[in-house]
N, C-alpha and C. Protein backbone atom coordinates (compact mmCIF):
# COMPACT_ATOMS: atom_id res chain seq x y z
N MET A 1 6.52 0.56 18.20
CA MET A 1 6.92 -1.08 18.53
C MET A 1 7.40 -1.70 17.08
N GLN A 2 8.35 -2.50 16.97
CA GLN A 2 8.83 -3.28 15.75
C GLN A 2 8.56 -4.70 15.62
N TRP A 3 7.53 -5.23 14.65
CA TRP A 3 7.56 -6.54 14.40
C TRP A 3 8.33 -7.10 13.13
N GLN A 4 8.79 -8.23 13.45
CA GLN A 4 9.25 -9.11 12.40
C GLN A 4 8.20 -9.77 11.55
N VAL A 5 7.99 -9.33 10.32
CA VAL A 5 6.89 -10.01 9.53
C VAL A 5 7.40 -10.65 8.31
N THR A 6 7.08 -11.97 8.04
CA THR A 6 7.25 -12.53 6.75
C THR A 6 6.21 -12.70 5.91
N ILE A 7 6.15 -12.28 4.65
CA ILE A 7 5.30 -12.46 3.76
C ILE A 7 6.05 -13.44 2.57
N ASP A 8 5.15 -14.41 2.14
CA ASP A 8 6.07 -15.39 1.46
C ASP A 8 7.54 -15.67 1.99
N ASP A 9 8.49 -15.34 1.31
CA ASP A 9 9.94 -15.55 1.89
C ASP A 9 10.51 -14.18 2.19
N ASP A 10 9.72 -13.20 1.93
CA ASP A 10 10.22 -11.78 2.09
C ASP A 10 9.96 -11.35 3.93
N LEU A 11 11.06 -11.16 4.21
CA LEU A 11 11.17 -10.78 5.80
C LEU A 11 11.16 -9.26 5.81
N GLN A 12 10.49 -8.54 6.71
CA GLN A 12 10.25 -7.00 6.81
C GLN A 12 10.21 -6.76 8.33
N LYS A 13 10.60 -5.69 8.63
CA LYS A 13 10.62 -5.09 9.75
C LYS A 13 9.48 -3.92 9.80
N ILE A 14 8.49 -4.08 10.60
CA ILE A 14 7.37 -2.95 10.51
C ILE A 14 7.36 -2.41 11.83
N ASP A 15 7.20 -1.14 11.99
CA ASP A 15 7.07 -0.12 12.89
C ASP A 15 5.58 0.09 13.21
N LEU A 16 4.79 -0.22 14.14
CA LEU A 16 3.26 0.01 14.53
C LEU A 16 3.46 0.57 16.10
N PRO A 17 2.51 1.28 16.43
CA PRO A 17 2.23 1.79 17.77
C PRO A 17 1.82 0.57 18.81
N GLU A 18 2.56 0.24 19.93
CA GLU A 18 2.31 -0.69 20.65
C GLU A 18 0.52 -0.98 21.03
N GLY A 19 0.09 -2.10 20.91
CA GLY A 19 -1.14 -2.36 21.05
C GLY A 19 -1.90 -2.60 19.74
N SER A 20 -1.17 -2.41 18.80
CA SER A 20 -1.66 -2.61 17.43
C SER A 20 -2.37 -3.93 17.20
N THR A 21 -3.27 -4.02 16.27
CA THR A 21 -4.02 -5.30 15.81
C THR A 21 -3.42 -6.05 14.73
N ALA A 22 -3.83 -7.23 14.53
CA ALA A 22 -3.45 -7.97 13.16
C ALA A 22 -4.07 -6.88 11.90
N SER A 23 -5.32 -6.34 12.02
CA SER A 23 -5.99 -5.47 11.08
C SER A 23 -4.97 -4.24 10.95
N ASP A 24 -4.53 -3.51 11.73
CA ASP A 24 -3.72 -2.72 11.64
C ASP A 24 -2.45 -2.96 10.83
N LEU A 25 -1.86 -4.00 10.87
CA LEU A 25 -0.74 -4.54 10.36
C LEU A 25 -0.93 -4.67 8.73
N VAL A 26 -2.18 -5.57 8.79
CA VAL A 26 -2.59 -5.62 7.27
C VAL A 26 -2.91 -4.43 6.58
N ASN A 27 -3.62 -3.26 7.26
CA ASN A 27 -3.88 -2.00 6.43
C ASN A 27 -2.47 -1.35 6.24
N ARG A 28 -1.44 -1.44 7.14
CA ARG A 28 -0.32 -0.73 6.98
C ARG A 28 0.53 -1.24 5.82
N LEU A 29 0.33 -2.75 5.54
CA LEU A 29 1.06 -3.29 4.44
C LEU A 29 0.29 -3.18 2.91
N LYS A 30 -0.91 -2.62 3.16
CA LYS A 30 -1.93 -2.25 1.97
C LYS A 30 -2.27 -3.81 1.40
N LEU A 31 -2.50 -4.77 2.23
CA LEU A 31 -3.07 -6.00 1.86
C LEU A 31 -4.54 -6.01 2.04
N HIS A 32 -5.22 -6.80 1.26
CA HIS A 32 -6.73 -7.00 1.49
C HIS A 32 -6.89 -8.23 2.39
N PRO A 33 -7.64 -7.96 3.67
CA PRO A 33 -7.58 -8.94 4.79
C PRO A 33 -8.30 -10.25 4.04
N ASP A 34 -9.12 -10.20 3.11
CA ASP A 34 -9.86 -11.38 2.78
C ASP A 34 -8.99 -12.55 2.02
N GLY A 35 -7.89 -12.08 1.64
CA GLY A 35 -6.81 -12.97 0.90
C GLY A 35 -5.51 -13.10 1.71
N LEU A 36 -6.00 -13.37 3.06
CA LEU A 36 -4.52 -13.75 3.65
C LEU A 36 -4.94 -14.34 5.33
N LEU A 37 -3.90 -14.83 5.74
CA LEU A 37 -4.10 -15.71 7.24
C LEU A 37 -2.89 -14.67 7.77
N VAL A 38 -3.20 -14.36 9.04
CA VAL A 38 -1.93 -13.82 9.88
C VAL A 38 -1.70 -14.84 11.18
N VAL A 39 -0.46 -15.52 11.14
CA VAL A 39 -0.34 -16.41 12.02
C VAL A 39 1.16 -16.07 12.74
N THR A 40 1.36 -16.69 13.90
CA THR A 40 2.87 -16.50 14.76
C THR A 40 3.76 -17.34 13.66
N ASP A 41 4.66 -16.90 13.67
CA ASP A 41 5.93 -17.55 12.77
C ASP A 41 6.88 -18.12 13.68
N GLU A 42 6.17 -19.47 14.22
CA GLU A 42 6.84 -20.40 15.04
C GLU A 42 6.71 -21.83 14.57
N GLU A 43 7.41 -22.75 15.28
CA GLU A 43 7.17 -23.93 14.78
C GLU A 43 5.64 -24.53 14.79
N LYS A 44 4.78 -24.01 15.67
CA LYS A 44 3.53 -24.32 15.75
C LYS A 44 2.98 -22.99 15.22
N MET A 45 2.38 -22.79 14.38
CA MET A 45 1.95 -21.67 13.79
C MET A 45 0.43 -21.53 14.57
N LYS A 46 0.11 -20.26 14.96
CA LYS A 46 -1.34 -20.00 15.71
C LYS A 46 -1.73 -18.76 14.90
N PRO A 47 -3.22 -18.94 14.55
CA PRO A 47 -3.63 -17.79 13.84
C PRO A 47 -3.98 -16.58 14.88
N ILE A 48 -3.80 -15.71 14.24
CA ILE A 48 -4.02 -14.34 14.78
C ILE A 48 -5.21 -13.56 14.32
N PRO A 49 -6.28 -13.83 15.25
CA PRO A 49 -7.55 -12.89 14.53
C PRO A 49 -7.41 -11.42 14.24
N LEU A 50 -7.81 -10.82 13.28
CA LEU A 50 -7.61 -9.53 12.94
C LEU A 50 -7.96 -8.48 14.03
N ILE A 51 -8.82 -8.89 14.89
CA ILE A 51 -9.37 -7.96 15.91
C ILE A 51 -8.30 -8.06 17.35
N SER A 52 -7.33 -9.00 17.02
CA SER A 52 -6.57 -9.39 18.30
C SER A 52 -5.12 -8.43 18.24
N LYS A 53 -4.74 -8.09 19.31
CA LYS A 53 -3.57 -7.20 19.38
C LYS A 53 -2.38 -8.44 19.04
N LEU A 54 -1.28 -7.74 18.44
CA LEU A 54 -0.22 -8.44 17.79
C LEU A 54 0.65 -9.12 19.01
N PRO A 55 1.13 -10.32 19.03
CA PRO A 55 1.89 -10.82 19.85
C PRO A 55 3.39 -10.28 19.74
N ASP A 56 4.22 -10.46 20.80
CA ASP A 56 5.43 -10.11 20.87
C ASP A 56 6.28 -11.34 20.51
N THR A 57 6.03 -11.79 18.99
CA THR A 57 6.71 -12.75 18.51
C THR A 57 6.76 -12.61 17.07
N PRO A 58 7.69 -13.17 16.11
CA PRO A 58 7.89 -13.05 14.88
C PRO A 58 6.37 -13.49 14.22
N ILE A 59 5.99 -12.70 13.11
CA ILE A 59 4.68 -12.92 12.48
C ILE A 59 4.74 -13.37 11.09
N ARG A 60 3.77 -14.27 10.46
CA ARG A 60 4.01 -14.59 9.13
C ARG A 60 2.46 -14.35 8.46
N ILE A 61 2.55 -13.75 7.31
CA ILE A 61 1.29 -13.53 6.78
C ILE A 61 1.49 -14.57 5.29
N ILE A 62 0.28 -15.48 5.41
CA ILE A 62 0.17 -16.28 4.38
C ILE A 62 -0.83 -15.79 3.64
N LEU A 63 -0.43 -15.49 2.08
CA LEU A 63 -1.57 -15.10 1.15
C LEU A 63 -2.19 -16.35 0.66
N VAL A 64 -3.40 -16.19 0.68
CA VAL A 64 -4.34 -17.30 -0.06
C VAL A 64 -4.97 -16.96 -1.36
N ALA A 65 -5.09 -17.90 -2.32
CA ALA A 65 -5.83 -17.64 -3.50
C ALA A 65 -7.17 -18.40 -3.15
N SER A 66 -8.26 -17.68 -3.76
CA SER A 66 -9.41 -18.31 -3.88
C SER A 66 -10.10 -18.12 -5.43
N GLY A 67 -11.27 -18.68 -5.62
CA GLY A 67 -11.79 -18.46 -6.74
C GLY A 67 -12.88 -19.34 -7.18
N GLY A 68 -13.39 -19.15 -8.36
CA GLY A 68 -14.53 -19.98 -8.50
C GLY A 68 -14.45 -20.85 -9.78
């Protein structure tokens, strides 16, 4: 199955098996899960927990910065 994923302003089409989780997507993109949020890319963004199956909607990954 193919998902539309936006990271910052970069739109990508990512192929993953049906039933894949947000964690599968993060791993496929080689991103560290502690530095991002996975949300639906709609007017009202909804968080997608890493253990949840990906919805059939466009997805946005928000990269977050942290430090001390």
